[in-house]
């Protein structure tokens, strides 16, 4: 396990990041529970949660840390046998690694799992490199990725939300004819290329594609060509040089009304509103296909909580989860972070998610494909390079080769699993 984790980080950097993070903030007569979360942007709310929890539970001392580059800190602490009791991370490739290495505890006996929407529990199961018995995280909140739009501009011109690919392209032509920019992009930061990529891919491919490719039953090149071509077509409607703007630049341009739409996730809304708090933002599912019934929402687990396998305070950790899961606390979180709750129940979504609500309520959603790509593969850089060069064949060939190159261990384990089951 240690070799696997250490291969995925730079230990020297991690040690410098780690300095000062670990803390034995024990209080006499109390049991300390340490939670490390990667949600730096929500640190103030987590501090409020910790204070309120500790007031309600005088026998416990909940300590929540949100260090910079938290995933690196977590991996480093695991290598040093200094794991926290709980972690808060996203449903992504890091979660897959931690499940595979066996450092996350099985929380299938936690009763609060019964309240979680099945779709999000399934997302986590699909992130397991090889199927395992048990549950290793409590999905807390998700995000939604599609197209943000300026509600005032749309209302001024009477534009309607498109539900087909042709309708989206026609809308772009109409916006340009009105002398406005349909889109802004921030592809100078390569990771932003994944936003439209994921939103297209979930409606144009099946979630089991990763397994089929790993088992040698399919290739990404059989499916990713059309996705790549559509993403490149969207760049024709950019109001700026897509590769001159970074993420912050694109958020600022959209906030200032320099583009009518922005293909990005709901996670960008707080950043946009920090520039223009009065902006009225809406969002809709990116209609990848011409049959509206085949379009689904790109939604992944933005934050989930795991109890570490070696934690000596598992029952106390469950009390923390119960506190987080209170409806009022979930509502506080989704209000601040503009998120989607993973728990069943009646929650009030941010107005910007109104046009996605039907998909959310009906569970017509699928996880971000890039959550399955090994980080070493650099899928974002591959997409960015293709969008610049337009060399589709090289992009598809490289994607297939790099998946095998950087996924060898998982492919071997999956083949062995299939052989034995």
Protein backbone atom coordinates (compact mmCIF):
# COMPACT_ATOMS: atom_id res chain seq x y z
CA UNK A 1 0.00 0.00 0.00
CA UNK A 2 2.75 2.42 0.95
CA UNK A 3 4.61 1.82 -2.31
CA UNK A 4 1.42 2.41 -4.28
CA UNK A 5 0.64 5.67 -2.54
CA UNK A 6 4.20 6.98 -2.56
CA UNK A 7 4.37 6.45 -6.30
CA UNK A 8 1.53 8.90 -6.78
CA UNK A 9 3.03 11.87 -4.93
CA UNK A 10 6.19 13.87 -4.63
CA UNK A 11 7.28 13.19 -1.07
CA UNK A 12 9.51 16.22 -0.79
CA UNK A 13 6.70 18.58 -1.76
CA UNK A 14 4.27 16.73 0.43
CA UNK A 15 6.47 17.04 3.48
CA UNK A 16 6.70 20.79 3.04
CA UNK A 17 2.92 20.98 2.67
CA UNK A 18 2.45 18.72 5.68
CA UNK A 19 4.50 20.87 8.00
CA UNK A 20 2.28 22.24 10.74
CA UNK A 21 -0.86 20.41 9.58
CA UNK A 22 -0.88 17.39 11.88
CA UNK A 23 -2.05 18.26 15.36
CA UNK A 24 -2.74 16.33 18.53
CA UNK A 25 -5.26 18.80 19.83
CA UNK A 26 -6.31 16.57 22.71
CA UNK A 27 -8.36 18.02 25.53
CA UNK A 28 -8.33 16.35 28.92
CA UNK A 29 -11.24 13.99 29.37
CA UNK A 30 -12.32 14.19 25.72
CA UNK A 31 -11.88 11.91 22.73
CA UNK A 32 -10.39 13.75 19.76
CA UNK A 33 -11.68 13.03 16.24
CA UNK A 34 -9.54 14.45 13.44
CA UNK A 35 -11.09 15.14 10.03
CA UNK A 36 -9.01 16.31 7.07
CA UNK A 37 -11.00 17.70 4.15
CA UNK A 38 -9.95 19.06 0.78
CA UNK A 39 -12.70 21.69 0.80
CA UNK A 40 -10.64 24.77 1.64
CA UNK A 41 -13.38 27.02 0.26
CA UNK A 42 -15.79 25.75 2.91
CA UNK A 43 -13.39 25.99 5.86
CA UNK A 44 -15.38 28.68 7.68
CA UNK A 45 -18.55 26.59 7.58
CA UNK A 46 -16.64 23.50 8.74
CA UNK A 47 -15.25 25.50 11.65
CA UNK A 48 -18.83 26.40 12.58
CA UNK A 49 -19.82 22.73 12.32
CA UNK A 50 -16.92 21.70 14.57
CA UNK A 51 -17.78 24.32 17.20
CA UNK A 52 -21.47 23.35 17.24
CA UNK A 53 -20.70 19.63 17.31
CA UNK A 54 -18.28 20.02 20.23
CA UNK A 55 -20.83 22.05 22.18
CA UNK A 56 -23.43 19.31 21.71
CA UNK A 57 -20.96 16.51 22.48
CA UNK A 58 -18.94 17.49 25.57
CA UNK A 59 -17.15 14.14 25.58
CA UNK A 60 -15.72 14.71 22.09
CA UNK A 61 -13.32 17.14 20.44
CA UNK A 62 -13.84 17.35 16.68
CA UNK A 63 -10.87 18.92 14.90
CA UNK A 64 -11.35 19.77 11.21
CA UNK A 65 -8.40 20.70 9.01
CA UNK A 66 -8.55 21.92 5.40
CA UNK A 67 -4.91 22.22 4.32
CA UNK A 68 -3.72 23.32 0.94
CA UNK A 69 -3.34 20.31 -1.39
CA UNK A 70 -5.20 18.12 1.09
CA UNK A 71 -5.07 14.96 -1.03
CA UNK A 72 -1.27 15.06 -1.02
CA UNK A 73 -1.31 15.65 2.73
CA UNK A 74 -3.64 12.68 3.25
CA UNK A 75 -1.49 10.35 1.14
CA UNK A 76 1.67 11.46 2.90
CA UNK A 77 0.19 10.93 6.32
CA UNK A 78 -0.88 7.44 5.31
CA UNK A 79 2.68 6.65 4.30
CA UNK A 80 3.88 7.95 7.69
CA UNK A 81 1.28 5.85 9.58
CA UNK A 82 -0.29 9.10 10.78
CA UNK A 83 -3.76 8.81 9.30
CA UNK A 84 -6.57 11.07 10.55
CA UNK A 85 -9.77 9.44 11.76
CA UNK A 86 -11.86 10.77 8.88
CA UNK A 87 -11.31 12.38 5.50
CA UNK A 88 -13.50 14.46 3.25
CA UNK A 89 -12.67 14.08 -0.46
CA UNK A 90 -14.41 13.93 -3.81
CA UNK A 91 -15.54 10.87 -5.71
CA UNK A 92 -12.56 10.74 -8.05
CA UNK A 93 -9.37 8.83 -8.87
CA UNK A 94 -7.93 9.56 -5.40
CA UNK A 95 -10.92 7.82 -3.83
CA UNK A 96 -10.36 4.87 -6.20
CA UNK A 97 -6.73 4.57 -5.07
CA UNK A 98 -7.63 4.73 -1.38
CA UNK A 99 -10.37 2.11 -1.76
CA UNK A 100 -8.00 -0.17 -3.66
CA UNK A 101 -5.25 0.10 -1.05
CA UNK A 102 -7.59 -0.83 1.78
CA UNK A 103 -7.02 2.24 3.95
CA UNK A 104 -10.70 3.24 4.07
CA UNK A 105 -12.97 1.51 6.57
CA UNK A 106 -16.15 -0.31 5.61
CA UNK A 107 -19.06 1.79 6.92
CA UNK A 108 -21.85 -0.43 5.58
CA UNK A 109 -23.14 -0.75 9.17
CA UNK A 110 -23.77 3.01 9.36
CA UNK A 111 -27.55 3.49 9.33
CA UNK A 112 -27.35 6.90 7.63
CA UNK A 113 -26.50 5.21 4.34
CA UNK A 114 -30.18 4.30 4.02
CA UNK A 115 -30.95 7.97 3.42
CA UNK A 116 -28.49 8.40 0.52
CA UNK A 117 -29.78 8.36 -3.05
CA UNK A 118 -28.92 5.06 -4.70
CA UNK A 119 -27.49 6.83 -7.76
CA UNK A 120 -24.65 8.33 -5.71
CA UNK A 121 -23.89 5.07 -3.93
CA UNK A 122 -23.65 3.46 -7.37
CA UNK A 123 -21.24 6.17 -8.53
CA UNK A 124 -18.90 5.22 -5.69
CA UNK A 125 -19.16 1.51 -6.50
CA UNK A 126 -18.24 2.20 -10.12
CA UNK A 127 -15.12 4.03 -8.91
CA UNK A 128 -13.77 0.85 -7.33
CA UNK A 129 -11.01 -0.47 -9.63
CA UNK A 130 -12.12 -3.99 -8.72
CA UNK A 131 -15.54 -4.66 -7.15
CA UNK A 132 -15.34 -4.92 -3.35
CA UNK A 133 -17.81 -5.86 -0.66
CA UNK A 134 -18.68 -2.95 1.59
CA UNK A 135 -19.25 0.80 1.52
CA UNK A 136 -16.27 3.11 1.91
CA UNK A 137 -17.71 6.62 1.88
CA UNK A 138 -20.83 8.57 2.74
CA UNK A 139 -21.72 10.73 -0.29
CA UNK A 140 -22.57 14.20 1.04
CA UNK A 141 -23.02 16.68 -1.81
CA UNK A 142 -22.64 16.60 -5.58
CA UNK A 143 -22.17 19.25 -8.25
CA UNK A 144 -23.75 19.63 -11.66
CA UNK A 145 -21.90 20.43 -14.86
CA UNK A 146 -23.39 21.68 -18.10
CA UNK A 147 -23.75 25.20 -19.43
CA UNK A 148 -24.12 28.32 -17.29
CA UNK A 149 -26.08 31.12 -18.92
CA UNK A 150 -26.78 34.79 -18.25
CA UNK A 151 -30.48 34.85 -17.37
CA UNK A 152 -30.90 38.57 -18.02
CA UNK A 153 -29.43 38.36 -21.52
CA UNK A 154 -31.57 35.33 -22.36
CA UNK A 155 -34.70 37.07 -21.07
CA UNK A 156 -33.86 40.30 -22.94
CA UNK A 157 -33.66 38.49 -26.29
CA UNK A 158 -36.30 35.86 -25.57
CA UNK A 159 -33.92 32.94 -26.11
CA UNK A 160 -35.06 29.51 -24.97
CA UNK A 161 -33.03 26.73 -23.39
CA UNK A 162 -32.06 24.19 -26.09
CA UNK A 163 -32.63 20.48 -25.48
CA UNK A 164 -30.88 19.14 -28.60
CA UNK A 165 -27.40 19.51 -30.08
CA UNK A 166 -28.72 21.17 -33.23
CA UNK A 167 -30.76 23.49 -31.06
CA UNK A 168 -27.62 24.50 -29.14
CA UNK A 169 -25.71 25.24 -32.36
CA UNK A 170 -28.66 27.22 -33.74
CA UNK A 171 -28.76 29.22 -30.52
CA UNK A 172 -25.06 29.99 -30.87
CA UNK A 173 -25.66 31.25 -34.41
CA UNK A 174 -28.54 33.40 -33.17
CA UNK A 175 -26.44 34.89 -30.39
CA UNK A 176 -23.64 35.72 -32.80
CA UNK A 177 -26.12 37.33 -35.20
CA UNK A 178 -27.19 39.58 -32.32
CA UNK A 179 -23.59 40.77 -32.01
CA UNK A 180 -22.86 38.89 -28.79
CA UNK A 181 -20.42 36.13 -27.87
CA UNK A 182 -22.11 32.78 -27.24
CA UNK A 183 -19.34 31.33 -25.03
CA UNK A 184 -16.29 32.11 -22.99
CA UNK A 185 -13.64 29.44 -22.30
CA UNK A 186 -10.63 29.28 -19.99
CA UNK A 187 -8.63 26.54 -21.70
CA UNK A 188 -5.27 28.10 -20.87
CA UNK A 189 -5.83 26.02 -17.72
CA UNK A 190 -5.99 22.54 -19.20
CA UNK A 191 -8.31 21.15 -16.54
CA UNK A 192 -11.15 23.36 -17.81
CA UNK A 193 -11.26 21.33 -21.04
CA UNK A 194 -12.71 18.51 -18.96
CA UNK A 195 -15.92 20.43 -18.21
CA UNK A 196 -17.45 20.32 -21.72
CA UNK A 197 -15.76 16.97 -22.36
CA UNK A 198 -17.45 15.33 -19.38
CA UNK A 199 -20.81 16.98 -20.08
CA UNK A 200 -20.76 15.61 -23.62
CA UNK A 201 -19.37 12.19 -22.77
CA UNK A 202 -21.99 11.23 -20.18
CA UNK A 203 -24.73 11.47 -22.80
CA UNK A 204 -22.71 9.91 -25.62
CA UNK A 205 -21.09 6.93 -23.89
CA UNK A 206 -22.03 4.26 -21.37
CA UNK A 207 -20.60 4.20 -17.80
CA UNK A 208 -19.36 0.64 -18.37
CA UNK A 209 -17.04 1.78 -21.17
CA UNK A 210 -14.07 1.89 -18.79
CA UNK A 211 -14.56 -1.73 -17.79
CA UNK A 212 -15.04 -2.86 -21.40
CA UNK A 213 -11.84 -1.09 -22.48
CA UNK A 214 -9.85 -2.56 -19.58
CA UNK A 215 -11.08 -6.05 -20.46
CA UNK A 216 -10.05 -5.54 -24.10
CA UNK A 217 -13.66 -5.62 -25.32
CA UNK A 218 -13.72 -2.06 -26.67
CA UNK A 219 -11.61 1.03 -27.33
CA UNK A 220 -12.09 4.66 -26.42
CA UNK A 221 -11.34 5.53 -30.04
CA UNK A 222 -14.61 3.82 -31.02
CA UNK A 223 -16.58 6.40 -29.05
CA UNK A 224 -14.51 9.50 -28.31
CA UNK A 225 -14.18 10.80 -31.88
CA UNK A 226 -17.66 12.35 -32.01
CA UNK A 227 -17.23 13.83 -28.54
CA UNK A 228 -13.94 15.45 -29.54
CA UNK A 229 -15.41 16.89 -32.74
CA UNK A 230 -18.38 18.41 -30.92
CA UNK A 231 -16.18 19.95 -28.26
CA UNK A 232 -13.98 21.51 -30.91
CA UNK A 233 -17.06 22.85 -32.71
CA UNK A 234 -18.07 24.74 -29.56
CA UNK A 235 -14.80 26.69 -29.72
CA UNK A 236 -16.00 28.31 -32.94
CA UNK A 237 -18.45 30.31 -30.84
CA UNK A 238 -16.00 31.65 -28.27
CA UNK A 239 -15.86 35.38 -27.69
CA UNK A 240 -12.22 35.16 -26.64
CA UNK A 241 -9.18 33.13 -27.59
CA UNK A 242 -10.03 29.95 -25.64
CA UNK A 243 -6.36 29.27 -24.90
CA UNK A 244 -5.45 32.82 -23.85
CA UNK A 245 -7.91 32.84 -20.94
CA UNK A 246 -7.46 30.80 -17.78
CA UNK A 247 -10.26 29.73 -15.46
CA UNK A 248 -10.34 32.99 -13.50
CA UNK A 249 -10.27 35.02 -16.72
CA UNK A 250 -13.24 33.10 -18.14
CA UNK A 251 -15.19 33.45 -14.90
CA UNK A 252 -14.53 37.19 -14.91
CA UNK A 253 -15.55 37.54 -18.58
CA UNK A 254 -18.83 35.73 -17.92
CA UNK A 255 -19.43 37.74 -14.75
CA UNK A 256 -19.05 40.97 -16.74
CA UNK A 257 -21.54 39.87 -19.37
CA UNK A 258 -18.94 39.39 -22.12
CA UNK A 259 -20.47 36.04 -23.07
CA UNK A 260 -24.00 34.68 -22.86
CA UNK A 261 -22.91 31.17 -21.82
CA UNK A 262 -20.05 29.35 -20.11
CA UNK A 263 -19.62 25.52 -20.33
CA UNK A 264 -18.51 24.77 -16.78
CA UNK A 265 -19.83 23.19 -13.59
CA UNK A 266 -21.85 24.69 -10.75
CA UNK A 267 -18.62 24.81 -8.74
CA UNK A 268 -17.69 27.94 -10.74
CA UNK A 269 -20.72 29.94 -9.61
CA UNK A 270 -19.25 31.21 -6.30
CA UNK A 271 -16.15 32.40 -8.18
CA UNK A 272 -18.30 34.20 -10.77
CA UNK A 273 -20.50 35.84 -8.13
CA UNK A 274 -17.41 37.07 -6.28
CA UNK A 275 -16.78 39.26 -9.35
CA UNK A 276 -20.42 40.26 -9.91
CA UNK A 277 -22.74 39.43 -7.00
CA UNK A 278 -25.76 40.77 -8.90
CA UNK A 279 -25.40 38.45 -11.89
CA UNK A 280 -28.40 36.20 -12.45
CA UNK A 281 -27.01 32.81 -13.40
CA UNK A 282 -28.91 29.85 -14.77
CA UNK A 283 -27.65 26.46 -15.92
CA UNK A 284 -28.85 23.69 -18.20
CA UNK A 285 -27.74 20.23 -19.25
CA UNK A 286 -25.42 20.30 -22.25
CA UNK A 287 -27.60 18.67 -24.94
CA UNK A 288 -25.09 16.33 -26.56
CA UNK A 289 -27.63 14.48 -28.72
CA UNK A 290 -30.58 15.36 -30.92
CA UNK A 291 -32.90 13.06 -28.99
CA UNK A 292 -33.65 14.94 -25.75
CA UNK A 293 -34.48 11.68 -23.97
CA UNK A 294 -30.87 10.50 -24.33
CA UNK A 295 -29.33 13.58 -22.71
CA UNK A 296 -28.42 13.26 -19.05
CA UNK A 297 -26.88 15.45 -16.39
CA UNK A 298 -23.18 15.32 -15.65
CA UNK A 299 -23.05 15.14 -11.85
CA UNK A 300 -20.36 13.75 -9.58
CA UNK A 301 -19.79 13.50 -5.85
CA UNK A 302 -18.12 16.74 -4.84
CA UNK A 303 -17.66 15.82 -1.19
CA UNK A 304 -17.97 12.58 0.73
CA UNK A 305 -16.74 11.41 4.11
CA UNK A 306 -14.78 8.26 4.86
CA UNK A 307 -13.72 6.73 8.16
CA UNK A 308 -10.17 5.40 8.04
CA UNK A 309 -9.64 1.68 8.51
CA UNK A 310 -7.23 2.18 11.43
CA UNK A 311 -9.34 4.72 13.32
CA UNK A 312 -9.87 3.72 16.95
CA UNK A 313 -12.96 5.91 17.26
CA UNK A 314 -15.28 4.54 14.59
CA UNK A 315 -18.48 4.93 16.63
CA UNK A 316 -17.55 8.52 17.48
CA UNK A 317 -16.96 9.17 13.77
CA UNK A 318 -20.48 7.95 13.11
CA UNK A 319 -21.75 10.62 15.51
CA UNK A 320 -19.94 13.19 13.36
CA UNK A 321 -21.59 11.81 10.23
CA UNK A 322 -25.00 11.97 11.91
CA UNK A 323 -24.38 15.64 12.73
CA UNK A 324 -23.31 16.45 9.16
CA UNK A 325 -26.34 14.60 7.80
CA UNK A 326 -28.92 16.66 9.60
CA UNK A 327 -31.12 18.26 6.98
CA UNK A 328 -30.48 21.77 8.28
CA UNK A 329 -26.72 21.29 8.06
CA UNK A 330 -26.89 19.88 4.55
CA UNK A 331 -29.06 22.85 3.57
CA UNK A 332 -26.48 25.26 5.03
CA UNK A 333 -23.76 23.60 2.99
CA UNK A 334 -25.62 23.53 -0.32
CA UNK A 335 -26.71 27.15 0.19
CA UNK A 336 -23.13 28.31 0.60
CA UNK A 337 -21.43 26.07 -1.96
CA UNK A 338 -24.32 25.84 -4.48
CA UNK A 339 -24.32 22.06 -4.36
CA UNK A 340 -26.70 19.17 -4.89
CA UNK A 341 -27.53 17.04 -1.81
CA UNK A 342 -26.80 13.32 -2.00
CA UNK A 343 -29.33 12.65 0.74
CA UNK A 344 -32.95 11.94 -0.08
CA UNK A 345 -35.46 14.52 1.03
CA UNK A 346 -36.85 17.95 0.32
CA UNK A 347 -34.01 20.43 -0.04
CA UNK A 348 -34.07 23.87 -1.61
CA UNK A 349 -31.67 24.10 -4.53
CA UNK A 350 -30.03 27.31 -5.62
CA UNK A 351 -32.03 29.14 -8.30
CA UNK A 352 -29.17 28.67 -10.76
CA UNK A 353 -29.91 24.92 -10.80
CA UNK A 354 -33.62 25.26 -11.60
CA UNK A 355 -33.32 23.94 -15.17
CA UNK A 356 -31.42 20.89 -13.89
CA UNK A 357 -33.88 20.02 -11.13
CA UNK A 358 -35.93 17.55 -13.20
CA UNK A 359 -32.78 15.59 -13.99
CA UNK A 360 -31.70 15.65 -10.35
CA UNK A 361 -35.11 14.56 -9.05
CA UNK A 362 -35.33 11.74 -11.60
CA UNK A 363 -31.70 10.64 -11.01
CA UNK A 364 -30.98 11.14 -14.72
CA UNK A 365 -27.32 11.77 -14.04
CA UNK A 366 -23.94 10.17 -14.50
CA UNK A 367 -20.50 10.65 -12.99
CA UNK A 368 -17.65 12.64 -14.52
CA UNK A 369 -15.72 10.35 -16.88
CA UNK A 370 -12.44 12.00 -15.86
CA UNK A 371 -12.94 10.62 -12.34
CA UNK A 372 -11.99 7.28 -13.88
CA UNK A 373 -8.89 8.51 -15.72
CA UNK A 374 -5.60 7.96 -13.85
CA UNK A 375 -4.14 11.34 -12.92
CA UNK A 376 -0.79 10.30 -14.45
CA UNK A 377 -2.55 9.97 -17.78
CA UNK A 378 -3.10 13.74 -18.02
CA UNK A 379 -6.38 13.46 -19.90
CA UNK A 380 -6.92 17.21 -19.65
CA UNK A 381 -3.61 17.89 -21.39
CA UNK A 382 -4.47 15.36 -24.11
CA UNK A 383 -7.79 17.09 -24.77
CA UNK A 384 -6.19 20.53 -24.70
CA UNK A 385 -3.53 19.45 -27.19
CA UNK A 386 -6.15 18.02 -29.53
CA UNK A 387 -8.22 21.20 -29.38
CA UNK A 388 -5.14 23.23 -30.33
CA UNK A 389 -3.80 20.97 -33.06
CA UNK A 390 -6.98 19.33 -34.36
CA UNK A 391 -5.12 16.04 -34.81
CA UNK A 392 -8.00 13.69 -33.98
CA UNK A 393 -6.30 10.42 -34.91
CA UNK A 394 -3.26 11.11 -32.74
CA UNK A 395 -5.53 12.12 -29.86
CA UNK A 396 -7.60 8.92 -30.04
CA UNK A 397 -4.57 6.66 -30.46
CA UNK A 398 -2.79 8.30 -27.54
CA UNK A 399 -5.87 8.05 -25.32
CA UNK A 400 -6.13 4.31 -25.88
CA UNK A 401 -2.40 3.74 -25.38
CA UNK A 402 -2.12 5.91 -22.27
CA UNK A 403 -5.13 4.28 -20.62
CA UNK A 404 -3.35 0.93 -20.83
CA UNK A 405 0.04 2.42 -19.97
CA UNK A 406 -1.07 4.17 -16.77
CA UNK A 407 -3.74 1.67 -15.74
CA UNK A 408 -1.78 -1.57 -15.91
CA UNK A 409 -2.21 -2.57 -12.26
CA UNK A 410 -5.95 -1.99 -12.26
CA UNK A 411 -6.36 -3.79 -15.58
CA UNK A 412 -4.43 -6.80 -14.25
CA UNK A 413 -6.53 -6.90 -11.08
CA UNK A 414 -9.75 -6.58 -13.03
CA UNK A 415 -8.77 -9.41 -15.37
CA UNK A 416 -7.94 -11.60 -12.37
CA UNK A 417 -11.26 -10.72 -10.76
CA UNK A 418 -13.18 -11.59 -13.92
CA UNK A 419 -11.30 -14.89 -14.15
CA UNK A 420 -12.21 -15.83 -10.58
CA UNK A 421 -15.81 -14.66 -10.73
